[in-house]
Amino acid sequence: MNNNSKDLSVGVERAIDSLGRLVLPKEMRNALNFQDNQVVNIKLFKNYIQVEKSIINCNFCDSQEDIIYHKNFPMCRNCLNELIEKFNK
């Protein structure tokens, strides 16, 4: 993470609760297009923590588009439809 002024467009102080939770401000979530229950990667560096969207790929074709889960198994809708067609024959 660079400390350029364009990287630090919004500064907000928040308290960490007794369970270690921190609320990301809605404006920041909106700016990054975070959805409810967004899966994120959290990385610890020497002086800071980085939070970023996880990139989820289909386990069959590696696509990142239109991902759904079945028993914690990510797949795209195209592969799901192919599986449905195959097992409906």
N, C-alpha and C. Protein backbone atom coordinates (compact mmCIF):
# COMPACT_ATOMS: atom_id res chain seq x y z
N MET A 1 0.85 -1.18 0.00
CA MET A 1 0.00 0.00 0.00
C MET A 1 0.88 1.23 0.00
N ASN A 2 0.67 2.10 -0.93
CA ASN A 2 1.42 3.34 -0.99
C ASN A 2 0.75 4.37 -0.11
N ASN A 3 1.52 5.29 0.41
CA ASN A 3 0.95 6.35 1.22
C ASN A 3 0.74 7.61 0.40
N ASN A 4 0.35 7.47 -0.85
CA ASN A 4 0.03 8.61 -1.69
C ASN A 4 -1.28 9.22 -1.23
N SER A 5 -1.44 10.52 -1.46
CA SER A 5 -2.68 11.18 -1.03
C SER A 5 -3.90 10.61 -1.73
N LYS A 6 -3.75 10.11 -2.98
CA LYS A 6 -4.91 9.54 -3.66
C LYS A 6 -5.34 8.21 -3.05
N ASP A 7 -4.43 7.50 -2.34
CA ASP A 7 -4.79 6.26 -1.66
C ASP A 7 -5.58 6.53 -0.38
N LEU A 8 -5.38 7.69 0.21
CA LEU A 8 -6.01 8.00 1.49
C LEU A 8 -7.09 9.06 1.29
N SER A 9 -8.11 8.73 0.52
CA SER A 9 -9.12 9.72 0.19
C SER A 9 -10.08 9.99 1.34
N VAL A 10 -10.25 9.04 2.27
CA VAL A 10 -11.17 9.21 3.38
C VAL A 10 -10.50 8.68 4.64
N GLY A 11 -10.51 9.45 5.68
CA GLY A 11 -9.95 9.01 6.95
C GLY A 11 -11.03 9.03 8.02
N VAL A 12 -11.22 7.91 8.69
CA VAL A 12 -12.25 7.79 9.71
C VAL A 12 -11.67 6.99 10.88
N GLU A 13 -11.95 7.41 12.08
CA GLU A 13 -11.55 6.65 13.26
C GLU A 13 -12.74 5.86 13.76
N ARG A 14 -12.50 4.59 14.09
CA ARG A 14 -13.53 3.70 14.63
C ARG A 14 -12.96 2.95 15.80
N ALA A 15 -13.81 2.55 16.73
CA ALA A 15 -13.39 1.74 17.87
C ALA A 15 -13.56 0.26 17.53
N ILE A 16 -12.66 -0.55 18.02
CA ILE A 16 -12.77 -2.01 17.90
C ILE A 16 -13.53 -2.49 19.12
N ASP A 17 -14.58 -3.30 18.92
CA ASP A 17 -15.39 -3.75 20.06
C ASP A 17 -14.71 -4.88 20.81
N SER A 18 -15.34 -5.36 21.86
CA SER A 18 -14.73 -6.37 22.74
C SER A 18 -14.53 -7.71 22.05
N LEU A 19 -15.20 -7.95 20.91
CA LEU A 19 -15.00 -9.18 20.14
C LEU A 19 -14.01 -8.99 19.00
N GLY A 20 -13.39 -7.80 18.91
CA GLY A 20 -12.39 -7.54 17.89
C GLY A 20 -12.96 -7.09 16.56
N ARG A 21 -14.24 -6.73 16.56
CA ARG A 21 -14.89 -6.31 15.31
C ARG A 21 -14.70 -4.82 15.06
N LEU A 22 -14.65 -4.50 13.79
CA LEU A 22 -14.53 -3.12 13.34
C LEU A 22 -15.52 -2.91 12.21
N VAL A 23 -16.32 -1.86 12.29
CA VAL A 23 -17.30 -1.58 11.24
C VAL A 23 -16.66 -0.69 10.19
N LEU A 24 -16.72 -1.14 8.93
CA LEU A 24 -16.26 -0.31 7.83
C LEU A 24 -17.38 0.66 7.48
N PRO A 25 -17.08 1.96 7.38
CA PRO A 25 -18.13 2.93 7.07
C PRO A 25 -18.83 2.61 5.75
N LYS A 26 -20.13 2.86 5.72
CA LYS A 26 -20.93 2.56 4.54
C LYS A 26 -20.38 3.25 3.30
N GLU A 27 -19.90 4.48 3.43
CA GLU A 27 -19.36 5.20 2.29
C GLU A 27 -18.17 4.45 1.69
N MET A 28 -17.34 3.87 2.53
CA MET A 28 -16.18 3.11 2.04
C MET A 28 -16.63 1.81 1.39
N ARG A 29 -17.59 1.12 2.01
CA ARG A 29 -18.11 -0.12 1.41
C ARG A 29 -18.74 0.16 0.06
N ASN A 30 -19.50 1.25 -0.04
CA ASN A 30 -20.12 1.62 -1.31
C ASN A 30 -19.06 1.96 -2.35
N ALA A 31 -18.04 2.73 -1.97
CA ALA A 31 -17.00 3.13 -2.91
C ALA A 31 -16.27 1.91 -3.48
N LEU A 32 -16.14 0.86 -2.67
CA LEU A 32 -15.46 -0.36 -3.11
C LEU A 32 -16.42 -1.42 -3.62
N ASN A 33 -17.72 -1.07 -3.67
CA ASN A 33 -18.75 -1.98 -4.15
C ASN A 33 -18.79 -3.28 -3.34
N PHE A 34 -18.60 -3.17 -2.03
CA PHE A 34 -18.73 -4.33 -1.16
C PHE A 34 -20.21 -4.64 -0.99
N GLN A 35 -20.58 -5.91 -1.11
CA GLN A 35 -21.95 -6.36 -0.93
C GLN A 35 -22.10 -6.91 0.49
N ASP A 36 -23.35 -7.13 0.92
CA ASP A 36 -23.57 -7.81 2.21
C ASP A 36 -22.90 -9.17 2.16
N ASN A 37 -22.27 -9.56 3.22
CA ASN A 37 -21.57 -10.85 3.35
C ASN A 37 -20.41 -10.98 2.35
N GLN A 38 -19.84 -9.86 1.94
CA GLN A 38 -18.70 -9.86 1.04
C GLN A 38 -17.54 -10.62 1.69
N VAL A 39 -16.94 -11.54 0.96
CA VAL A 39 -15.75 -12.24 1.44
C VAL A 39 -14.54 -11.35 1.19
N VAL A 40 -13.72 -11.16 2.20
CA VAL A 40 -12.55 -10.30 2.08
C VAL A 40 -11.30 -11.02 2.56
N ASN A 41 -10.17 -10.57 2.06
CA ASN A 41 -8.87 -11.01 2.57
C ASN A 41 -8.40 -9.95 3.54
N ILE A 42 -7.86 -10.38 4.67
CA ILE A 42 -7.30 -9.47 5.66
C ILE A 42 -5.83 -9.84 5.81
N LYS A 43 -4.97 -8.87 5.56
CA LYS A 43 -3.53 -9.10 5.61
C LYS A 43 -2.91 -8.20 6.67
N LEU A 44 -2.04 -8.76 7.47
CA LEU A 44 -1.34 -8.01 8.51
C LEU A 44 0.05 -7.66 8.03
N PHE A 45 0.38 -6.38 8.08
CA PHE A 45 1.71 -5.89 7.77
C PHE A 45 2.30 -5.33 9.05
N LYS A 46 3.49 -4.84 8.99
CA LYS A 46 4.17 -4.36 10.19
C LYS A 46 3.37 -3.27 10.91
N ASN A 47 2.88 -2.28 10.17
CA ASN A 47 2.22 -1.14 10.80
C ASN A 47 0.76 -0.96 10.42
N TYR A 48 0.19 -1.87 9.64
CA TYR A 48 -1.19 -1.68 9.22
C TYR A 48 -1.82 -3.00 8.82
N ILE A 49 -3.14 -2.97 8.69
CA ILE A 49 -3.93 -4.10 8.21
C ILE A 49 -4.54 -3.70 6.88
N GLN A 50 -4.51 -4.60 5.91
CA GLN A 50 -5.09 -4.35 4.59
C GLN A 50 -6.31 -5.24 4.42
N VAL A 51 -7.42 -4.65 3.99
CA VAL A 51 -8.66 -5.39 3.73
C VAL A 51 -8.98 -5.21 2.25
N GLU A 52 -9.18 -6.32 1.54
CA GLU A 52 -9.52 -6.25 0.13
C GLU A 52 -10.48 -7.36 -0.23
N LYS A 53 -11.23 -7.16 -1.30
CA LYS A 53 -12.16 -8.18 -1.76
C LYS A 53 -11.40 -9.45 -2.12
N SER A 54 -11.97 -10.57 -1.75
CA SER A 54 -11.42 -11.85 -2.20
C SER A 54 -11.87 -12.09 -3.63
N ILE A 55 -11.01 -12.66 -4.41
CA ILE A 55 -11.36 -13.02 -5.77
C ILE A 55 -11.75 -14.49 -5.74
N ILE A 56 -13.01 -14.75 -6.04
CA ILE A 56 -13.55 -16.11 -6.00
C ILE A 56 -13.68 -16.61 -7.43
N ASN A 57 -13.12 -17.77 -7.69
CA ASN A 57 -13.18 -18.38 -9.02
C ASN A 57 -14.01 -19.64 -8.98
N CYS A 58 -14.64 -19.94 -10.10
CA CYS A 58 -15.34 -21.20 -10.28
C CYS A 58 -14.32 -22.33 -10.20
N ASN A 59 -14.65 -23.36 -9.44
CA ASN A 59 -13.72 -24.49 -9.32
C ASN A 59 -13.61 -25.33 -10.58
N PHE A 60 -14.54 -25.14 -11.52
CA PHE A 60 -14.51 -25.92 -12.75
C PHE A 60 -13.79 -25.18 -13.89
N CYS A 61 -14.16 -23.91 -14.12
CA CYS A 61 -13.64 -23.20 -15.29
C CYS A 61 -12.79 -21.98 -14.94
N ASP A 62 -12.67 -21.66 -13.67
CA ASP A 62 -11.86 -20.53 -13.19
C ASP A 62 -12.49 -19.17 -13.46
N SER A 63 -13.73 -19.13 -13.91
CA SER A 63 -14.42 -17.86 -14.16
C SER A 63 -14.65 -17.13 -12.84
N GLN A 64 -14.72 -15.81 -12.91
CA GLN A 64 -15.03 -15.00 -11.73
C GLN A 64 -16.43 -14.38 -11.85
N GLU A 65 -17.15 -14.73 -12.91
CA GLU A 65 -18.46 -14.14 -13.18
C GLU A 65 -19.59 -14.99 -12.61
N ASP A 66 -20.56 -14.33 -11.99
CA ASP A 66 -21.81 -14.95 -11.55
C ASP A 66 -21.56 -16.20 -10.69
N ILE A 67 -20.75 -16.04 -9.65
CA ILE A 67 -20.39 -17.17 -8.77
C ILE A 67 -21.50 -17.42 -7.76
N ILE A 68 -21.84 -18.69 -7.59
CA ILE A 68 -22.76 -19.14 -6.55
C ILE A 68 -22.07 -20.25 -5.78
N TYR A 69 -22.61 -20.60 -4.64
CA TYR A 69 -22.01 -21.64 -3.80
C TYR A 69 -22.97 -22.79 -3.59
N HIS A 70 -22.41 -23.97 -3.55
CA HIS A 70 -23.14 -25.16 -3.11
C HIS A 70 -22.24 -25.86 -2.11
N LYS A 71 -22.67 -25.90 -0.85
CA LYS A 71 -21.88 -26.51 0.23
C LYS A 71 -20.46 -25.94 0.26
N ASN A 72 -20.37 -24.61 0.26
CA ASN A 72 -19.10 -23.87 0.29
C ASN A 72 -18.21 -24.15 -0.91
N PHE A 73 -18.80 -24.56 -2.00
CA PHE A 73 -18.07 -24.89 -3.22
C PHE A 73 -18.45 -23.87 -4.29
N PRO A 74 -17.53 -22.96 -4.68
CA PRO A 74 -17.89 -21.94 -5.66
C PRO A 74 -17.94 -22.47 -7.09
N MET A 75 -18.98 -22.08 -7.80
CA MET A 75 -19.07 -22.41 -9.23
C MET A 75 -19.86 -21.31 -9.92
N CYS A 76 -19.58 -21.15 -11.21
CA CYS A 76 -20.32 -20.14 -11.97
C CYS A 76 -21.64 -20.76 -12.45
N ARG A 77 -22.57 -19.90 -12.80
CA ARG A 77 -23.88 -20.39 -13.24
C ARG A 77 -23.78 -21.20 -14.53
N ASN A 78 -22.84 -20.85 -15.40
CA ASN A 78 -22.68 -21.62 -16.64
C ASN A 78 -22.31 -23.07 -16.34
N CYS A 79 -21.36 -23.27 -15.44
CA CYS A 79 -20.97 -24.64 -15.09
C CYS A 79 -22.10 -25.36 -14.36
N LEU A 80 -22.80 -24.63 -13.50
CA LEU A 80 -23.95 -25.24 -12.82
C LEU A 80 -24.98 -25.70 -13.83
N ASN A 81 -25.29 -24.86 -14.82
CA ASN A 81 -26.26 -25.24 -15.85
C ASN A 81 -25.78 -26.44 -16.65
N GLU A 82 -24.49 -26.51 -16.95
CA GLU A 82 -23.94 -27.68 -17.65
C GLU A 82 -24.11 -28.94 -16.83
N LEU A 83 -23.86 -28.84 -15.52
CA LEU A 83 -24.04 -30.01 -14.64
C LEU A 83 -25.50 -30.44 -14.60
N ILE A 84 -26.39 -29.48 -14.49
CA ILE A 84 -27.82 -29.80 -14.46
C ILE A 84 -28.25 -30.52 -15.74
N GLU A 85 -27.80 -29.98 -16.87
CA GLU A 85 -28.11 -30.61 -18.16
C GLU A 85 -27.56 -32.03 -18.23
N LYS A 86 -26.33 -32.21 -17.78
CA LYS A 86 -25.71 -33.53 -17.84
C LYS A 86 -26.48 -34.55 -16.99
N PHE A 87 -26.91 -34.16 -15.80
CA PHE A 87 -27.58 -35.11 -14.92
C PHE A 87 -29.07 -35.24 -15.19
N ASN A 88 -29.61 -34.39 -16.03
CA ASN A 88 -31.01 -34.50 -16.42
C ASN A 88 -31.20 -35.36 -17.66
N LYS A 89 -30.11 -35.84 -18.24
CA LYS A 89 -30.21 -36.67 -19.45
C LYS A 89 -30.61 -38.07 -19.09
